[in-house]
Amino acid sequence: MIKVVLISHTPDPEALVAAAARLCYSSDSVEKIYSRNSSESNSKFVKMLSKLGHQSPLEHISFTFGIEGVSRIFLAQLTRHRIASYSVQSQRYVKEVGFNFVTPPQIESCEEAKKEFEDLVNKSKLAYEKISEILVKKQKESEENQNCAEKLAIEDARYVLPGAIETKIVCTFNARSLLNFFSLRCCSRAQWEIRETAEKMLILVLKVAPNVFSTSGPPCVRGKCGEGKMSCGKADKISEKFNNLYL
């Protein structure tokens, strides 16, 4: 099961966005501009910025998430979003004995496919453990590798691990990068695992910066779907779903 927590974020993020944006149009000092901030005026100003598409001030605020129960396949998709920082559980230092794995819903719902899937995953577990054992023994035969035999063994044994294996991630995005992430990954055409994660992330940031993310989500929330012939054809339902999040 995918678990997402908001570990940390910029304190009073909308106040900082508002102050940074006002600075662009004011001759006053930074301290004076920031001291004049109020929650009500900040909310109105940030909403206006969102409508205007003035996004550079959003780069000053960041959000750090902890993500668990996702696959290494998910990780490959997530890290395509390069304006972010990632820390991932290492397979070089953490031994994957009896690991958990993610089963895609389509496979879960088909007994025949599920059996093939689980058989292969279990075979990879056995192969990983056997290869690790063989390599540890081999490494220990060499005096120079006595202290890191297991590390060297699992470093190579991990090559047989499936993409379905669970991993843990800490990632940090600035708000502008998050808007792009939500636009791409909340879309119904995004892969199910990263779409579910993106929606959980969006719900969390809406609680601390509602005006910054008031138009977040797939493009159909803001207007016309950009997928053309590849559109899911459910823009109205999807738009309604996300608009209910913003209430």
C-alpha atoms as a PDB file:
ATOM      1  CA  MET A   1       0.000   0.000   0.000  1.00  0.00           C
ATOM      2  CA  ILE A   2       1.359   3.400  -0.985  1.00  0.00           C
ATOM      3  CA  LYS A   3       2.075   5.666   1.967  1.00  0.00           C
ATOM      4  CA  VAL A   4       2.968   9.348   1.556  1.00  0.00           C
ATOM      5  CA  VAL A   5       3.778  11.756   4.387  1.00  0.00           C
ATOM      6  CA  LEU A   6       4.700  15.425   4.228  1.00  0.00           C
ATOM      7  CA  ILE A   7       7.842  15.434   6.356  1.00  0.00           C
ATOM      8  CA  SER A   8       8.670  19.108   6.134  1.00  0.00           C
ATOM      9  CA  HIS A   9       7.884  22.294   4.236  1.00  0.00           C
ATOM     10  CA  THR A  10       8.806  25.968   4.145  1.00  0.00           C
ATOM     11  CA  PRO A  11       7.166  27.701   7.133  1.00  0.00           C
ATOM     12  CA  ASP A  12       4.229  29.922   6.139  1.00  0.00           C
ATOM     13  CA  PRO A  13       4.827  29.204   2.460  1.00  0.00           C
ATOM     14  CA  GLU A  14       2.206  31.557   1.037  1.00  0.00           C
ATOM     15  CA  ALA A  15       3.589  34.514   3.005  1.00  0.00           C
ATOM     16  CA  LEU A  16       7.010  33.910   1.477  1.00  0.00           C
ATOM     17  CA  VAL A  17       5.595  33.564  -2.045  1.00  0.00           C
ATOM     18  CA  ALA A  18       3.614  36.791  -1.635  1.00  0.00           C
ATOM     19  CA  ALA A  19       6.614  38.712  -0.262  1.00  0.00           C
ATOM     20  CA  ALA A  20       8.918  37.484  -3.028  1.00  0.00           C
ATOM     21  CA  ALA A  21       6.385  38.441  -5.708  1.00  0.00           C
ATOM     22  CA  ARG A  22       5.675  41.879  -4.199  1.00  0.00           C
ATOM     23  CA  LEU A  23       9.385  42.607  -4.148  1.00  0.00           C
ATOM     24  CA  CYS A  24       9.359  42.471  -7.955  1.00  0.00           C
ATOM     25  CA  TYR A  25       7.032  45.493  -8.040  1.00  0.00           C
ATOM     26  CA  SER A  26       8.197  47.498  -5.025  1.00  0.00           C
ATOM     27  CA  SER A  27      11.088  49.783  -4.097  1.00  0.00           C
ATOM     28  CA  ASP A  28      10.675  48.983  -0.375  1.00  0.00           C
ATOM     29  CA  SER A  29      13.142  46.849   1.576  1.00  0.00           C
ATOM     30  CA  VAL A  30      12.655  43.108   1.885  1.00  0.00           C
ATOM     31  CA  GLU A  31      12.021  43.415   5.644  1.00  0.00           C
ATOM     32  CA  LYS A  32       9.376  46.092   5.144  1.00  0.00           C
ATOM     33  CA  ILE A  33       7.578  44.122   2.439  1.00  0.00           C
ATOM     34  CA  TYR A  34       7.555  40.958   4.532  1.00  0.00           C
ATOM     35  CA  SER A  35       6.378  42.777   7.672  1.00  0.00           C
ATOM     36  CA  ARG A  36       3.319  44.109   5.836  1.00  0.00           C
ATOM     37  CA  ASN A  37       2.142  40.619   4.935  1.00  0.00           C
ATOM     38  CA  SER A  38      -1.231  39.471   6.244  1.00  0.00           C
ATOM     39  CA  SER A  39      -2.946  36.129   5.758  1.00  0.00           C
ATOM     40  CA  GLU A  40      -5.921  37.666   3.954  1.00  0.00           C
ATOM     41  CA  SER A  41      -3.887  39.801   1.580  1.00  0.00           C
ATOM     42  CA  ASN A  42      -1.467  36.937   0.945  1.00  0.00           C
ATOM     43  CA  SER A  43      -4.305  34.608  -0.026  1.00  0.00           C
ATOM     44  CA  LYS A  44      -5.709  37.076  -2.554  1.00  0.00           C
ATOM     45  CA  PHE A  45      -2.290  37.907  -3.948  1.00  0.00           C
ATOM     46  CA  VAL A  46      -1.203  34.270  -4.353  1.00  0.00           C
ATOM     47  CA  LYS A  47      -4.499  33.436  -6.074  1.00  0.00           C
ATOM     48  CA  MET A  48      -3.886  36.308  -8.470  1.00  0.00           C
ATOM     49  CA  LEU A  49      -0.363  35.047  -9.186  1.00  0.00           C
ATOM     50  CA  SER A  50      -1.769  31.604  -9.970  1.00  0.00           C
ATOM     51  CA  LYS A  51      -4.234  33.053 -12.487  1.00  0.00           C
ATOM     52  CA  LEU A  52      -1.527  35.182 -14.099  1.00  0.00           C
ATOM     53  CA  GLY A  53       0.868  32.242 -14.320  1.00  0.00           C
ATOM     54  CA  HIS A  54       3.601  34.148 -12.455  1.00  0.00           C
ATOM     55  CA  GLN A  55       5.383  31.071 -11.088  1.00  0.00           C
ATOM     56  CA  SER A  56       8.975  32.107 -10.375  1.00  0.00           C
ATOM     57  CA  PRO A  57       8.192  33.159  -6.739  1.00  0.00           C
ATOM     58  CA  LEU A  58       6.983  29.583  -6.137  1.00  0.00           C
ATOM     59  CA  GLU A  59      10.549  28.348  -6.427  1.00  0.00           C
ATOM     60  CA  HIS A  60      11.290  29.842  -2.994  1.00  0.00           C
ATOM     61  CA  ILE A  61       9.100  27.344  -1.146  1.00  0.00           C
ATOM     62  CA  SER A  62       9.768  23.619  -0.892  1.00  0.00           C
ATOM     63  CA  PHE A  63       8.062  20.465   0.316  1.00  0.00           C
ATOM     64  CA  THR A  64       9.711  17.236   1.494  1.00  0.00           C
ATOM     65  CA  PHE A  65       7.844  13.939   1.268  1.00  0.00           C
ATOM     66  CA  GLY A  66       8.446  10.457   2.611  1.00  0.00           C
ATOM     67  CA  ILE A  67       7.126   7.769   0.251  1.00  0.00           C
ATOM     68  CA  GLU A  68       6.848   4.056   1.055  1.00  0.00           C
ATOM     69  CA  GLY A  69       5.209   1.001  -0.470  1.00  0.00           C
ATOM     70  CA  VAL A  70       6.206   1.894  -4.027  1.00  0.00           C
ATOM     71  CA  SER A  71       8.195  -0.106  -6.558  1.00  0.00           C
ATOM     72  CA  ARG A  72      11.560   0.466  -8.176  1.00  0.00           C
ATOM     73  CA  ILE A  73       9.588   0.885 -11.406  1.00  0.00           C
ATOM     74  CA  PHE A  74       7.865   3.841  -9.756  1.00  0.00           C
ATOM     75  CA  LEU A  75      11.272   5.225  -8.793  1.00  0.00           C
ATOM     76  CA  ALA A  76      12.388   5.245 -12.435  1.00  0.00           C
ATOM     77  CA  GLN A  77       9.374   7.416 -13.290  1.00  0.00           C
ATOM     78  CA  LEU A  78       9.691   9.744 -10.325  1.00  0.00           C
ATOM     79  CA  THR A  79      13.320  10.626 -10.943  1.00  0.00           C
ATOM     80  CA  ARG A  80      12.499  11.821 -14.451  1.00  0.00           C
ATOM     81  CA  HIS A  81      11.378  14.954 -12.625  1.00  0.00           C
ATOM     82  CA  ARG A  82      14.867  16.361 -12.378  1.00  0.00           C
ATOM     83  CA  ILE A  83      14.166  19.627 -10.528  1.00  0.00           C
ATOM     84  CA  ALA A  84      13.917  17.800  -7.224  1.00  0.00           C
ATOM     85  CA  SER A  85      16.147  16.037  -4.700  1.00  0.00           C
ATOM     86  CA  TYR A  86      15.962  12.328  -3.901  1.00  0.00           C
ATOM     87  CA  SER A  87      17.245   9.934  -1.256  1.00  0.00           C
ATOM     88  CA  VAL A  88      16.456   6.260  -1.856  1.00  0.00           C
ATOM     89  CA  GLN A  89      16.916   3.095   0.203  1.00  0.00           C
ATOM     90  CA  SER A  90      20.134   1.556  -1.099  1.00  0.00           C
ATOM     91  CA  GLN A  91      20.188  -1.979  -2.443  1.00  0.00           C
ATOM     92  CA  ARG A  92      23.974  -1.947  -2.061  1.00  0.00           C
ATOM     93  CA  TYR A  93      23.830  -1.518   1.714  1.00  0.00           C
ATOM     94  CA  VAL A  94      20.405  -2.911   2.650  1.00  0.00           C
ATOM     95  CA  LYS A  95      20.043  -6.660   2.157  1.00  0.00           C
ATOM     96  CA  GLU A  96      16.766  -7.527   0.437  1.00  0.00           C
ATOM     97  CA  VAL A  97      15.930 -10.765   2.230  1.00  0.00           C
ATOM     98  CA  GLY A  98      12.223 -11.642   2.202  1.00  0.00           C
ATOM     99  CA  PHE A  99      11.435  -8.360   0.492  1.00  0.00           C
ATOM    100  CA  ASN A 100       7.935  -6.989  -0.124  1.00  0.00           C
ATOM    101  CA  PHE A 101       6.797  -6.280  -3.648  1.00  0.00           C
ATOM    102  CA  VAL A 102       4.111  -4.267  -5.416  1.00  0.00           C
ATOM    103  CA  THR A 103       1.456  -6.124  -7.387  1.00  0.00           C
ATOM    104  CA  PRO A 104      -0.233  -4.046 -10.115  1.00  0.00           C
ATOM    105  CA  PRO A 105      -4.056  -3.989  -9.794  1.00  0.00           C
ATOM    106  CA  GLN A 106      -4.548  -5.544 -13.227  1.00  0.00           C
ATOM    107  CA  ILE A 107      -2.391  -8.517 -12.221  1.00  0.00           C
ATOM    108  CA  GLU A 108      -4.011  -8.702  -8.775  1.00  0.00           C
ATOM    109  CA  SER A 109      -7.451  -9.050 -10.353  1.00  0.00           C
ATOM    110  CA  CYS A 110      -6.434 -11.924 -12.651  1.00  0.00           C
ATOM    111  CA  GLU A 111      -5.682 -15.200 -10.853  1.00  0.00           C
ATOM    112  CA  GLU A 112      -3.724 -16.687 -13.743  1.00  0.00           C
ATOM    113  CA  ALA A 113      -1.541 -13.612 -14.179  1.00  0.00           C
ATOM    114  CA  LYS A 114      -1.127 -13.237 -10.410  1.00  0.00           C
ATOM    115  CA  LYS A 115       0.147 -16.801 -10.072  1.00  0.00           C
ATOM    116  CA  GLU A 116       2.756 -16.303 -12.819  1.00  0.00           C
ATOM    117  CA  PHE A 117       3.783 -13.005 -11.277  1.00  0.00           C
ATOM    118  CA  GLU A 118       4.183 -14.332  -7.741  1.00  0.00           C
ATOM    119  CA  ASP A 119       6.005 -17.463  -8.932  1.00  0.00           C
ATOM    120  CA  LEU A 120       8.573 -15.327 -10.728  1.00  0.00           C
ATOM    121  CA  VAL A 121       8.993 -12.941  -7.789  1.00  0.00           C
ATOM    122  CA  ASN A 122       9.527 -15.860  -5.408  1.00  0.00           C
ATOM    123  CA  LYS A 123      12.099 -17.381  -7.770  1.00  0.00           C
ATOM    124  CA  SER A 124      13.965 -14.059  -7.807  1.00  0.00           C
ATOM    125  CA  LYS A 125      13.978 -14.067  -3.983  1.00  0.00           C
ATOM    126  CA  LEU A 126      15.566 -17.505  -3.922  1.00  0.00           C
ATOM    127  CA  ALA A 127      18.051 -16.582  -6.640  1.00  0.00           C
ATOM    128  CA  TYR A 128      19.029 -13.397  -4.778  1.00  0.00           C
ATOM    129  CA  GLU A 129      19.639 -15.275  -1.526  1.00  0.00           C
ATOM    130  CA  LYS A 130      21.574 -18.071  -3.254  1.00  0.00           C
ATOM    131  CA  ILE A 131      23.766 -15.700  -5.270  1.00  0.00           C
ATOM    132  CA  SER A 132      24.415 -13.604  -2.144  1.00  0.00           C
ATOM    133  CA  GLU A 133      25.472 -16.706  -0.223  1.00  0.00           C
ATOM    134  CA  ILE A 134      27.809 -17.866  -2.999  1.00  0.00           C
ATOM    135  CA  LEU A 135      29.396 -14.433  -3.400  1.00  0.00           C
ATOM    136  CA  VAL A 136      29.863 -13.906   0.342  1.00  0.00           C
ATOM    137  CA  LYS A 137      31.715 -17.205   0.539  1.00  0.00           C
ATOM    138  CA  LYS A 138      33.853 -16.261  -2.424  1.00  0.00           C
ATOM    139  CA  GLN A 139      34.663 -12.818  -1.017  1.00  0.00           C
ATOM    140  CA  LYS A 140      35.630 -14.242   2.370  1.00  0.00           C
ATOM    141  CA  GLU A 141      38.217 -16.421   0.703  1.00  0.00           C
ATOM    142  CA  SER A 142      40.102 -13.239  -0.116  1.00  0.00           C
ATOM    143  CA  GLU A 143      41.691 -11.609   2.947  1.00  0.00           C
ATOM    144  CA  GLU A 144      41.461  -8.096   1.530  1.00  0.00           C
ATOM    145  CA  ASN A 145      37.656  -8.312   1.305  1.00  0.00           C
ATOM    146  CA  GLN A 146      36.918  -9.828   4.717  1.00  0.00           C
ATOM    147  CA  ASN A 147      35.231  -6.711   6.147  1.00  0.00           C
ATOM    148  CA  CYS A 148      32.921  -5.981   3.226  1.00  0.00           C
ATOM    149  CA  ALA A 149      32.087  -9.435   1.896  1.00  0.00           C
ATOM    150  CA  GLU A 150      28.319  -9.100   2.274  1.00  0.00           C
ATOM    151  CA  LYS A 151      28.215  -5.582   0.855  1.00  0.00           C
ATOM    152  CA  LEU A 152      30.110  -6.707  -2.243  1.00  0.00           C
ATOM    153  CA  ALA A 153      27.882  -9.761  -2.554  1.00  0.00           C
ATOM    154  CA  ILE A 154      24.514  -7.975  -2.407  1.00  0.00           C
ATOM    155  CA  GLU A 155      25.854  -5.247  -4.679  1.00  0.00           C
ATOM    156  CA  ASP A 156      25.925  -7.780  -7.520  1.00  0.00           C
ATOM    157  CA  ALA A 157      23.153 -10.131  -6.375  1.00  0.00           C
ATOM    158  CA  ARG A 158      20.641  -7.272  -6.659  1.00  0.00           C
ATOM    159  CA  TYR A 159      20.765  -7.589 -10.452  1.00  0.00           C
ATOM    160  CA  VAL A 160      18.230 -10.441 -10.241  1.00  0.00           C
ATOM    161  CA  LEU A 161      15.734  -8.412  -8.202  1.00  0.00           C
ATOM    162  CA  PRO A 162      12.441  -7.553  -9.928  1.00  0.00           C
ATOM    163  CA  GLY A 163      11.254  -4.027 -10.656  1.00  0.00           C
ATOM    164  CA  ALA A 164       8.250  -4.798  -8.430  1.00  0.00           C
ATOM    165  CA  ILE A 165      10.373  -4.777  -5.260  1.00  0.00           C
ATOM    166  CA  GLU A 166       9.280  -2.170  -2.712  1.00  0.00           C
ATOM    167  CA  THR A 167      11.474   0.793  -1.902  1.00  0.00           C
ATOM    168  CA  LYS A 168      11.439   3.904   0.298  1.00  0.00           C
ATOM    169  CA  ILE A 169      12.126   7.448  -0.868  1.00  0.00           C
ATOM    170  CA  VAL A 170      12.549  10.928   0.569  1.00  0.00           C
ATOM    171  CA  CYS A 171      12.092  13.640  -2.041  1.00  0.00           C
ATOM    172  CA  THR A 172      12.016  17.434  -2.027  1.00  0.00           C
ATOM    173  CA  PHE A 173      10.346  19.623  -4.642  1.00  0.00           C
ATOM    174  CA  ASN A 174       9.942  23.359  -4.931  1.00  0.00           C
ATOM    175  CA  ALA A 175       6.341  24.420  -5.558  1.00  0.00           C
ATOM    176  CA  ARG A 176       6.865  25.305  -9.200  1.00  0.00           C
ATOM    177  CA  SER A 177       8.299  21.869  -9.909  1.00  0.00           C
ATOM    178  CA  LEU A 178       5.399  20.305  -8.011  1.00  0.00           C
ATOM    179  CA  LEU A 179       2.875  22.108 -10.227  1.00  0.00           C
ATOM    180  CA  ASN A 180       4.530  20.540 -13.254  1.00  0.00           C
ATOM    181  CA  PHE A 181       4.607  17.153 -11.522  1.00  0.00           C
ATOM    182  CA  PHE A 182       0.901  17.295 -10.665  1.00  0.00           C
ATOM    183  CA  SER A 183      -0.009  18.420 -14.177  1.00  0.00           C
ATOM    184  CA  LEU A 184       1.693  15.374 -15.689  1.00  0.00           C
ATOM    185  CA  ARG A 185       1.179  12.701 -13.062  1.00  0.00           C
ATOM    186  CA  CYS A 186      -2.375  13.391 -11.865  1.00  0.00           C
ATOM    187  CA  CYS A 187      -3.588  12.876 -15.429  1.00  0.00           C
ATOM    188  CA  SER A 188      -5.599   9.677 -15.956  1.00  0.00           C
ATOM    189  CA  ARG A 189      -3.112   8.656 -18.642  1.00  0.00           C
ATOM    190  CA  ALA A 190      -0.260   8.548 -16.102  1.00  0.00           C
ATOM    191  CA  GLN A 191       0.760   5.106 -14.841  1.00  0.00           C
ATOM    192  CA  TRP A 192      -1.422   4.016 -11.900  1.00  0.00           C
ATOM    193  CA  GLU A 193       1.301   3.916  -9.222  1.00  0.00           C
ATOM    194  CA  ILE A 194       2.726   7.373  -9.790  1.00  0.00           C
ATOM    195  CA  ARG A 195      -0.769   8.808 -10.335  1.00  0.00           C
ATOM    196  CA  GLU A 196      -1.951   7.513  -6.951  1.00  0.00           C
ATOM    197  CA  THR A 197       1.180   8.886  -5.294  1.00  0.00           C
ATOM    198  CA  ALA A 198       0.803  12.289  -6.976  1.00  0.00           C
ATOM    199  CA  GLU A 199      -2.799  12.582  -5.778  1.00  0.00           C
ATOM    200  CA  LYS A 200      -1.753  11.791  -2.202  1.00  0.00           C
ATOM    201  CA  MET A 201       1.011  14.409  -2.419  1.00  0.00           C
ATOM    202  CA  LEU A 202      -1.416  17.011  -3.758  1.00  0.00           C
ATOM    203  CA  ILE A 203      -3.883  16.436  -0.912  1.00  0.00           C
ATOM    204  CA  LEU A 204      -1.069  17.006   1.600  1.00  0.00           C
ATOM    205  CA  VAL A 205       0.240  20.271   0.113  1.00  0.00           C
ATOM    206  CA  LEU A 206      -3.270  21.677  -0.284  1.00  0.00           C
ATOM    207  CA  LYS A 207      -3.515  21.658   3.510  1.00  0.00           C
ATOM    208  CA  VAL A 208      -0.512  23.964   3.973  1.00  0.00           C
ATOM    209  CA  ALA A 209      -0.565  26.069   0.783  1.00  0.00           C
ATOM    210  CA  PRO A 210      -4.131  25.918  -0.616  1.00  0.00           C
ATOM    211  CA  ASN A 211      -3.845  29.028  -2.772  1.00  0.00           C
ATOM    212  CA  VAL A 212      -0.548  27.986  -4.332  1.00  0.00           C
ATOM    213  CA  PHE A 213      -2.037  24.671  -5.469  1.00  0.00           C
ATOM    214  CA  SER A 214      -5.640  25.799  -6.059  1.00  0.00           C
ATOM    215  CA  THR A 215      -5.456  24.965  -9.767  1.00  0.00           C
ATOM    216  CA  SER A 216      -3.146  21.939  -9.515  1.00  0.00           C
ATOM    217  CA  GLY A 217      -3.803  18.644 -11.184  1.00  0.00           C
ATOM    218  CA  PRO A 218      -4.208  17.532 -14.786  1.00  0.00           C
ATOM    219  CA  PRO A 219      -4.614  20.163 -17.532  1.00  0.00           C
ATOM    220  CA  CYS A 220      -8.361  19.473 -17.827  1.00  0.00           C
ATOM    221  CA  VAL A 221      -8.796  21.101 -14.389  1.00  0.00           C
ATOM    222  CA  ARG A 222      -7.680  24.404 -15.892  1.00  0.00           C
ATOM    223  CA  GLY A 223      -9.206  24.077 -19.336  1.00  0.00           C
ATOM    224  CA  LYS A 224      -8.777  21.944 -22.430  1.00  0.00           C
ATOM    225  CA  CYS A 225      -7.131  18.515 -22.295  1.00  0.00           C
ATOM    226  CA  GLY A 226      -3.807  18.538 -24.121  1.00  0.00           C
ATOM    227  CA  GLU A 227      -3.744  14.822 -24.940  1.00  0.00           C
ATOM    228  CA  GLY A 228      -5.610  15.180 -28.240  1.00  0.00           C
ATOM    229  CA  LYS A 229      -6.601  11.792 -29.694  1.00  0.00           C
ATOM    230  CA  MET A 230      -5.022  10.123 -26.646  1.00  0.00           C
ATOM    231  CA  SER A 231      -7.441  11.842 -24.260  1.00  0.00           C
ATOM    232  CA  CYS A 232      -9.290   9.603 -21.800  1.00  0.00           C
ATOM    233  CA  GLY A 233     -12.546  11.325 -22.750  1.00  0.00           C
ATOM    234  CA  LYS A 234     -13.481  11.849 -19.089  1.00  0.00           C
ATOM    235  CA  ALA A 235     -12.330  15.436 -18.636  1.00  0.00           C
ATOM    236  CA  ASP A 236     -15.560  16.587 -16.967  1.00  0.00           C
ATOM    237  CA  LYS A 237     -15.486  13.838 -14.326  1.00  0.00           C
ATOM    238  CA  ILE A 238     -11.795  14.289 -13.634  1.00  0.00           C
ATOM    239  CA  SER A 239     -12.108  18.055 -13.403  1.00  0.00           C
ATOM    240  CA  GLU A 240     -14.982  17.635 -10.939  1.00  0.00           C
ATOM    241  CA  LYS A 241     -12.930  15.204  -8.858  1.00  0.00           C
ATOM    242  CA  PHE A 242     -10.041  17.636  -8.470  1.00  0.00           C
ATOM    243  CA  ASN A 243     -12.227  20.700  -7.989  1.00  0.00           C
ATOM    244  CA  ASN A 244     -13.765  18.929  -4.983  1.00  0.00           C
ATOM    245  CA  LEU A 245     -10.260  18.706  -3.463  1.00  0.00           C
ATOM    246  CA  TYR A 246      -9.919  22.492  -3.565  1.00  0.00           C
ATOM    247  CA  LEU A 247     -13.107  23.195  -1.628  1.00  0.00           C
END
